[in-house]
């Protein structure tokens, strides 16, 4: 299918970043139809790239204060990757005086479940603006309580030493791997893919079906990209990958135990999430998300991730710990 045309190039200064979002939404998806006339979150059936960009576009309320909304769907809580990405968008909107800055790390804590029925308010604190680094703290608030906090550090472009781990070898190409929905249908399952993953083209190399109980190695590989061509703004690519980084990550900690992330017997919830951005990448190119779980104990699972560019360079490192426990059974 047609990957779509490239939308208008992003504007050079970070203070113009919301205009870049608006320009990006006026895009052509793989079906070739324009999708710039639907408000963000209005329809969970809108699974285009424009829907994802609208989801990440925030409304400025006041200086250092932004509002985001969630898609209308059946989830009982807000997807963690959405909150992390929206919080990072809020942080980038306040780094106004450096056209050459990029986020190099973020550290986040999930404090309470988000309510998808009401908007999320993001409060940004400008902790530091230096010659090389700027730091922002973002708190997400709903119903008068903090549900999430994020610390993001931005760095001006700099040249230094360079080395990285190698991309895992011997994996099938993304074009030869069916997407998750296809894999499930081939397995005779009628499981509807969650809305967050519908906004991206995600192709897991290894998969544990919900009905399977065979323990698997503690490693999983996923090919991913957006469903259409993105604008050139590097920070926009960073925010989209932040959204994608929470998909299927914690479920990797279940693989050695022969339990699928889609199992109704387990309760999973992200507790904290960290990312380090090493090198430039484009999220509309195929990226390999290599995940590994070194430990699970005390009702928590720990997973690390490495995101590789198509040329094999390491672009991003990820780490997450989350709650992994059997669901409590309610007595009759």
Foldseek 3Di string as FASTA:
>chain_A
DDQFDEWDADDQFLLCVLVQLLRFLQTAFPVRDGDNPDQAQEALVPQALSNVSNQLRWDDDDVQKTKGAHHDDDDQFGQPLSVQLNLLNSVSNNPTPASQKDWFKKKKFFAATHGRVDMKMKGKDFPDDDPFKTKIKIFIDDPRDTGMIMIIMMGGDDDDDDDDDFDDPDADDPVVFQFPVVVQVVVVDPDDDDSLPSQKGKGWRDAQDQVWQDADALKTKMKIAGRHHGHPPQRVQVSVVSSVVSPCQQQSQCRRRSHGPPHPFKDKDWGMKMKGFDDTAGRRAIKMKMKGWPDDDPQKTKMKIWIAHPVGHTGMIMITMIGIDTDDDDDD
